[in-house]
Amino acid sequence: MSADQSPNTEDERREAAAAWLVRLQSDDASETDWLNFEAWLGDAENKAALVVVENAIAEIDDHAGEIAAALKSPVRSTKVTPMRSGRRSQGRIRAAWGGAIALALASAAAFFVVPRVMTPSVEETSYSAPADASRSITLPDMSIADLNRGAVIRVRWTVKERRVYLDKGEAAFSVNHDPAHPFLVLAGEDTVRDIGTEFNLQRRADGLLVTVRDGAVGVKGPGGTSVNVNAGHALLVDHAKHQAILSQVNPDDAFAWRQGRLIYHDATLATIVEDLNRYGAEPIRLADTSVGQLRFSGVLMIQPARNMVSQLEAFLPLRSDEEKGEIVIRSR
């Protein structure tokens, strides 16, 4: 099956959705199959057909005994955990089944193993981006995680929730939302819960910076306090000061690193240096805390750290020297 096979009627789309579920449950499913499936889901009508079939399969599981008796087949225990946007009533599902349900019933009778391609249990897997390039990861639920240079995440899927651990650095997430299976990102002491969104997370020395471009997230800190962050806003969680600052921002600025740019608005040099230390093997150090309080607004093109420091020297009263394998910044 490929994305080029494009059924037009509702029944054909539902039959295709059921066929995808069976195919991807197979041990023979390939990476090409997954990529074709992702392309097929790009059609809104196909995605809607998949929801109908998933709900139908859930209904089959709820009535497994009756179905098995009708088919004169022995019942084997099963647990349905398809990701779906909400279970419809039995009457509505029966009205919508059509040809897809016949195929789903046939699949259930043949295997009595319910496809769980949208919420597979995934053993903890680590992903990292190299120091000189970003990396894009397609997660098991078709959500996307873009890792900035040097970032490290771990992914663990269960039947109840999707967990990503941001162990280091910065990452942007575009989440395939499903309220039945929460998408959580754990970054040190902080937990970010997706509420249907696209967001960027940056782990900092003393906390976390959360920027939302679409939808909303809930952020829970170590004290148990939860803050909702809506699109067009950023939340800076500062553990050292025990505070969380919510502000209105241009969210595209936070995602600019994906186009090779770092955008700052009245940022301290200390904050900027923390960022720049992710972009090169040669560490950058401030000679004293006072120079770190200098402020900068502008755009830095992502280059080797030495070059970015030179960009800053053109706008701020500072100078830099190389000492014992590191770049030291001083006031000028």
Protein backbone atom coordinates (compact mmCIF):
# COMPACT_ATOMS: atom_id res chain seq x y z
CA MET A 1 0.00 0.00 0.00
CA SER A 2 1.23 3.48 -0.74
CA ALA A 3 0.12 7.08 -0.40
CA ASP A 4 -0.58 7.07 -4.15
CA GLN A 5 -3.55 4.77 -3.63
CA SER A 6 -6.17 7.39 -2.82
CA PRO A 7 -9.72 6.05 -2.25
CA ASN A 8 -12.50 8.60 -2.73
CA THR A 9 -15.62 7.28 -1.00
CA GLU A 10 -16.04 7.13 2.77
CA ASP A 11 -16.22 3.34 2.72
CA GLU A 12 -13.06 3.10 0.64
CA ARG A 13 -11.21 5.44 2.99
CA ARG A 14 -12.32 3.41 6.02
CA GLU A 15 -11.31 0.17 4.35
CA ALA A 16 -7.91 1.72 3.63
CA ALA A 17 -7.62 2.86 7.27
CA ALA A 18 -8.37 -0.65 8.53
CA ALA A 19 -5.87 -2.09 6.06
CA TRP A 20 -3.21 0.33 7.31
CA LEU A 21 -3.83 -0.72 10.91
CA VAL A 22 -3.48 -4.39 10.04
CA ARG A 23 -0.39 -3.75 7.91
CA LEU A 24 1.41 -1.70 10.54
CA GLN A 25 0.63 -4.26 13.24
CA SER A 26 2.51 -6.84 11.17
CA ASP A 27 6.11 -7.74 11.99
CA ASP A 28 6.84 -7.10 8.31
CA ALA A 29 5.93 -3.40 8.52
CA SER A 30 8.81 -1.37 7.14
CA GLU A 31 10.01 2.20 7.56
CA THR A 32 8.62 2.87 4.07
CA ASP A 33 5.21 1.68 5.26
CA TRP A 34 5.33 4.13 8.15
CA LEU A 35 6.36 6.99 5.88
CA ASN A 36 3.58 6.16 3.43
CA PHE A 37 1.11 5.96 6.30
CA GLU A 38 2.20 9.40 7.52
CA ALA A 39 1.69 10.80 4.02
CA TRP A 40 -1.74 9.13 3.81
CA LEU A 41 -2.72 10.77 7.12
CA GLY A 42 -1.92 14.16 5.59
CA ASP A 43 -5.39 14.03 4.00
CA ALA A 44 -7.95 15.27 6.56
CA GLU A 45 -10.62 12.89 5.23
CA ASN A 46 -8.26 9.94 5.61
CA LYS A 47 -7.51 10.97 9.18
CA ALA A 48 -11.23 11.21 9.93
CA ALA A 49 -11.74 7.72 8.47
CA LEU A 50 -9.00 6.39 10.75
CA VAL A 51 -10.79 7.81 13.81
CA VAL A 52 -14.01 6.03 12.76
CA VAL A 53 -12.20 2.73 12.37
CA GLU A 54 -10.34 3.08 15.67
CA ASN A 55 -13.62 3.79 17.45
CA ALA A 56 -15.17 0.81 15.71
CA ILE A 57 -12.34 -1.44 16.87
CA ALA A 58 -12.85 -0.16 20.40
CA GLU A 59 -16.51 -1.08 20.10
CA ILE A 60 -15.54 -4.54 18.85
CA ASP A 61 -13.39 -5.03 21.93
CA ASP A 62 -16.22 -3.94 24.21
CA HIS A 63 -18.41 -6.65 22.65
CA ALA A 64 -15.72 -9.26 22.04
CA GLY A 65 -17.76 -12.04 23.61
CA GLU A 66 -20.81 -11.48 21.45
CA ILE A 67 -18.69 -11.17 18.30
CA ALA A 68 -16.74 -14.34 19.05
CA ALA A 69 -19.97 -16.24 19.70
CA ALA A 70 -21.44 -15.01 16.44
CA LEU A 71 -18.34 -16.09 14.57
CA LYS A 72 -18.22 -19.38 16.54
CA SER A 73 -14.64 -18.54 17.50
CA PRO A 74 -12.99 -18.95 20.90
CA VAL A 75 -12.52 -15.71 22.82
CA ARG A 76 -9.05 -14.59 23.74
CA SER A 77 -8.59 -11.71 26.12
CA THR A 78 -7.49 -8.49 24.49
CA LYS A 79 -7.07 -4.87 25.44
CA VAL A 80 -7.83 -2.09 22.97
CA THR A 81 -5.69 1.00 23.20
CA PRO A 82 -6.01 2.84 19.90
CA MET A 83 -5.43 6.58 20.11
CA ARG A 84 -8.67 8.30 19.29
CA SER A 85 -10.24 11.66 19.88
CA GLY A 86 -13.20 10.29 21.81
CA ARG A 87 -15.39 7.17 21.74
CA ARG A 88 -18.70 7.61 19.95
CA SER A 89 -21.92 6.05 21.18
CA GLN A 90 -22.70 2.54 19.99
CA GLY A 91 -25.54 3.76 17.78
CA ARG A 92 -23.41 6.41 16.07
CA ILE A 93 -20.58 3.96 15.46
CA ARG A 94 -22.86 1.34 14.01
CA ALA A 95 -24.30 3.94 11.66
CA ALA A 96 -20.80 4.89 10.50
CA TRP A 97 -19.20 1.47 10.17
CA GLY A 98 -19.99 0.65 6.52
CA GLY A 99 -17.39 -1.36 4.64
CA ALA A 100 -14.58 -0.56 7.06
CA ILE A 101 -16.24 -2.44 9.89
CA ALA A 102 -16.61 -5.56 7.77
CA LEU A 103 -12.86 -5.46 7.20
CA ALA A 104 -12.15 -4.68 10.85
CA LEU A 105 -14.37 -7.60 11.93
CA ALA A 106 -12.57 -9.90 9.53
CA SER A 107 -9.23 -8.77 10.92
CA ALA A 108 -10.44 -9.25 14.49
CA ALA A 109 -11.72 -12.72 13.68
CA ALA A 110 -8.47 -13.68 12.00
CA PHE A 111 -6.09 -12.29 14.63
CA PHE A 112 -8.14 -11.21 17.64
CA VAL A 113 -5.17 -8.96 18.31
CA VAL A 114 -6.18 -5.31 18.14
CA PRO A 115 -3.80 -3.06 16.23
CA ARG A 116 -2.11 -0.56 18.50
CA VAL A 117 -0.01 1.27 15.98
CA MET A 118 -0.93 4.67 17.33
CA THR A 119 0.03 3.82 20.93
CA PRO A 120 2.60 1.06 20.88
CA SER A 121 4.39 0.31 24.11
CA VAL A 122 7.88 1.59 23.42
CA GLU A 123 10.87 0.64 25.47
CA GLU A 124 12.87 3.67 26.54
CA THR A 125 14.83 4.93 23.55
CA SER A 126 17.37 7.75 23.51
CA TYR A 127 17.93 10.25 20.71
CA SER A 128 20.55 12.97 20.49
CA ALA A 129 21.64 15.67 18.08
CA PRO A 130 25.32 16.14 17.25
CA ALA A 131 27.16 19.25 18.36
CA ASP A 132 27.25 20.68 14.84
CA ALA A 133 23.74 19.98 13.52
CA SER A 134 20.10 19.76 14.54
CA ARG A 135 18.05 16.58 14.14
CA SER A 136 14.38 15.83 13.47
CA ILE A 137 12.76 12.74 15.02
CA THR A 138 9.39 11.25 14.06
CA LEU A 139 7.98 9.75 17.27
CA PRO A 140 5.88 6.55 17.36
CA ASP A 141 2.60 8.53 17.31
CA MET A 142 3.75 10.65 14.35
CA SER A 143 4.49 13.65 16.56
CA ILE A 144 7.70 15.46 15.61
CA ALA A 145 10.60 16.33 17.91
CA ASP A 146 13.21 18.70 16.45
CA LEU A 147 16.41 18.59 18.50
CA ASN A 148 18.73 21.56 18.62
CA ARG A 149 22.46 20.94 18.55
CA GLY A 150 23.64 18.80 21.44
CA ALA A 151 20.12 18.09 22.72
CA VAL A 152 19.30 14.71 24.25
CA ILE A 153 15.85 13.18 24.74
CA ARG A 154 14.53 9.83 25.90
CA VAL A 155 11.18 8.48 24.69
CA ARG A 156 8.98 6.03 26.55
CA TRP A 157 5.46 5.10 25.40
CA THR A 158 2.97 3.14 27.52
CA VAL A 159 -0.69 2.27 26.92
CA LYS A 160 -1.67 5.18 29.19
CA GLU A 161 0.63 8.02 28.23
CA ARG A 162 3.46 9.24 26.04
CA ARG A 163 6.56 10.44 27.87
CA VAL A 164 9.56 12.32 26.55
CA TYR A 165 12.47 13.24 28.82
CA LEU A 166 14.42 16.32 27.76
CA ASP A 167 17.72 15.50 29.42
CA LYS A 168 19.76 18.24 27.81
CA GLY A 169 19.47 21.25 25.57
CA GLU A 170 16.58 22.48 23.46
CA ALA A 171 13.83 20.81 21.45
CA ALA A 172 10.71 21.82 19.56
CA PHE A 173 7.65 19.55 19.54
CA SER A 174 4.72 19.33 17.15
CA VAL A 175 2.32 17.00 18.91
CA ASN A 176 -0.27 14.67 17.45
CA HIS A 177 -2.80 15.45 20.16
CA ASP A 178 -4.91 12.77 21.82
CA PRO A 179 -6.57 13.50 25.18
CA ALA A 180 -6.82 9.78 26.01
CA HIS A 181 -3.03 9.43 25.92
CA PRO A 182 -1.34 12.51 27.44
CA PHE A 183 1.89 13.74 25.91
CA LEU A 184 4.30 14.73 28.68
CA VAL A 185 7.78 16.22 28.44
CA LEU A 186 9.83 15.96 31.63
CA ALA A 187 12.72 18.40 31.88
CA GLY A 188 14.47 17.98 35.20
CA GLU A 189 12.07 19.10 37.91
CA ASP A 190 9.51 20.46 35.46
CA THR A 191 6.76 18.65 33.55
CA VAL A 192 5.11 20.05 30.41
CA ARG A 193 1.75 18.55 29.48
CA ASP A 194 0.52 19.00 25.93
CA ILE A 195 -2.97 20.43 25.43
CA GLY A 196 -2.78 20.21 21.62
CA THR A 197 0.09 22.32 20.48
CA GLU A 198 3.44 23.18 18.97
CA PHE A 199 5.97 24.31 21.53
CA ASN A 200 9.68 24.84 22.14
CA LEU A 201 11.50 23.85 25.33
CA GLN A 202 14.90 25.06 26.40
CA ARG A 203 16.56 23.68 29.50
CA ARG A 204 18.55 26.39 31.22
CA ALA A 205 21.08 26.27 34.05
CA ASP A 206 18.48 27.20 36.65
CA GLY A 207 15.21 26.26 35.00
CA LEU A 208 13.21 25.97 31.83
CA LEU A 209 11.97 28.27 29.05
CA VAL A 210 8.69 27.18 27.42
CA THR A 211 7.41 28.95 24.30
CA VAL A 212 4.10 28.00 22.65
CA ARG A 213 3.43 28.71 18.99
CA ASP A 214 0.15 26.84 18.59
CA GLY A 215 -2.38 25.52 21.13
CA ALA A 216 -1.43 25.42 24.80
CA VAL A 217 0.59 23.50 27.37
CA GLY A 218 0.37 23.06 31.12
CA VAL A 219 3.65 23.45 33.01
CA LYS A 220 4.06 21.94 36.46
CA GLY A 221 7.07 22.90 38.56
CA PRO A 222 8.68 21.19 41.55
CA GLY A 223 6.38 22.95 44.00
CA GLY A 224 3.31 21.48 42.36
CA THR A 225 2.12 24.80 40.93
CA SER A 226 0.71 24.49 37.43
CA VAL A 227 0.60 27.26 34.82
CA ASN A 228 -1.15 27.11 31.44
CA VAL A 229 0.80 28.70 28.60
CA ASN A 230 -1.20 29.65 25.51
CA ALA A 231 -0.04 30.33 21.97
CA GLY A 232 1.99 33.51 21.66
CA HIS A 233 3.32 33.28 25.22
CA ALA A 234 6.46 32.08 26.96
CA LEU A 235 7.00 30.89 30.51
CA LEU A 236 10.41 31.22 32.16
CA VAL A 237 10.70 28.92 35.16
CA ASP A 238 13.55 30.10 37.40
CA HIS A 239 14.33 27.57 40.11
CA ALA A 240 17.02 29.71 41.71
CA LYS A 241 14.55 32.56 42.30
CA HIS A 242 11.58 30.25 42.87
CA GLN A 243 9.47 32.08 40.33
CA ALA A 244 7.77 31.60 36.97
CA ILE A 245 7.38 34.56 34.63
CA LEU A 246 4.73 34.46 31.90
CA SER A 247 5.12 36.92 29.02
CA GLN A 248 3.66 37.62 25.60
CA VAL A 249 6.18 36.96 22.82
CA ASN A 250 6.60 36.40 19.11
CA PRO A 251 6.81 32.59 19.26
CA ASP A 252 8.60 32.38 15.91
CA ASP A 253 11.67 33.84 17.61
CA ALA A 254 11.99 30.76 19.82
CA PHE A 255 11.85 28.48 16.79
CA ALA A 256 14.34 30.52 14.74
CA TRP A 257 17.19 28.16 15.63
CA ARG A 258 15.70 25.72 13.12
CA GLN A 259 16.57 28.28 10.41
CA GLY A 260 20.05 28.88 11.83
CA ARG A 261 19.31 32.08 13.76
CA LEU A 262 19.17 33.11 17.43
CA ILE A 263 16.89 36.07 18.14
CA TYR A 264 17.17 38.12 21.33
CA HIS A 265 15.15 40.93 22.84
CA ASP A 266 16.90 42.74 25.70
CA ALA A 267 18.61 39.51 26.81
CA THR A 268 21.48 39.50 29.26
CA LEU A 269 24.90 38.48 28.02
CA ALA A 270 24.86 35.74 30.67
CA THR A 271 21.78 34.23 29.02
CA ILE A 272 23.30 34.51 25.57
CA VAL A 273 26.56 32.90 26.62
CA GLU A 274 24.63 29.98 28.10
CA ASP A 275 23.03 29.54 24.68
CA LEU A 276 26.29 29.90 22.75
CA ASN A 277 27.94 27.19 24.83
CA ARG A 278 25.67 24.70 23.08
CA TYR A 279 27.16 25.56 19.69
CA GLY A 280 30.83 24.77 19.98
CA ALA A 281 33.42 22.58 21.64
CA GLU A 282 35.37 25.60 22.94
CA PRO A 283 33.62 26.79 26.12
CA ILE A 284 32.81 30.46 26.69
CA ARG A 285 33.24 31.99 30.15
CA LEU A 286 32.39 35.42 31.55
CA ALA A 287 35.26 37.04 33.41
CA ASP A 288 32.89 38.44 36.05
CA THR A 289 29.19 38.75 36.80
CA SER A 290 29.02 42.43 35.84
CA VAL A 291 29.83 41.78 32.18
CA GLY A 292 27.09 39.19 32.18
CA GLN A 293 24.53 41.93 32.91
CA LEU A 294 25.15 43.67 29.58
CA ARG A 295 22.03 43.46 27.41
CA PHE A 296 21.63 42.71 23.74
CA SER A 297 18.79 42.85 21.22
CA GLY A 298 19.37 41.47 17.75
CA VAL A 299 19.96 38.39 15.63
CA LEU A 300 22.98 36.08 15.76
CA MET A 301 23.62 33.70 12.90
CA ILE A 302 24.49 30.24 14.24
CA GLN A 303 28.18 29.70 13.51
CA PRO A 304 31.18 28.45 15.44
CA ALA A 305 31.18 30.00 18.92
CA ARG A 306 34.22 32.17 18.15
CA ASN A 307 32.35 33.83 15.26
CA MET A 308 29.24 34.48 17.32
CA VAL A 309 31.29 36.11 20.06
CA SER A 310 32.80 38.36 17.39
CA GLN A 311 29.28 39.35 16.34
CA LEU A 312 28.55 40.40 19.93
CA GLU A 313 31.79 42.38 20.17
CA ALA A 314 30.57 44.53 17.28
CA PHE A 315 27.56 45.69 19.31
CA LEU A 316 28.55 45.52 22.98
CA PRO A 317 31.45 47.07 24.96
CA LEU A 318 33.30 43.84 25.48
CA ARG A 319 36.38 41.96 24.33
CA SER A 320 37.28 38.29 24.30
CA ASP A 321 40.51 36.35 24.75
CA GLU A 322 41.40 32.70 24.32
CA GLU A 323 42.84 31.25 27.50
CA LYS A 324 43.61 27.60 28.20
CA GLY A 325 41.17 26.24 25.67
CA GLU A 326 38.27 28.56 26.46
CA ILE A 327 36.97 31.95 25.34
CA VAL A 328 36.93 34.50 28.16
CA ILE A 329 34.70 37.59 27.76
CA ARG A 330 35.54 40.82 29.58
CA SER A 331 34.20 44.36 29.62
CA ARG A 332 35.99 46.72 27.27
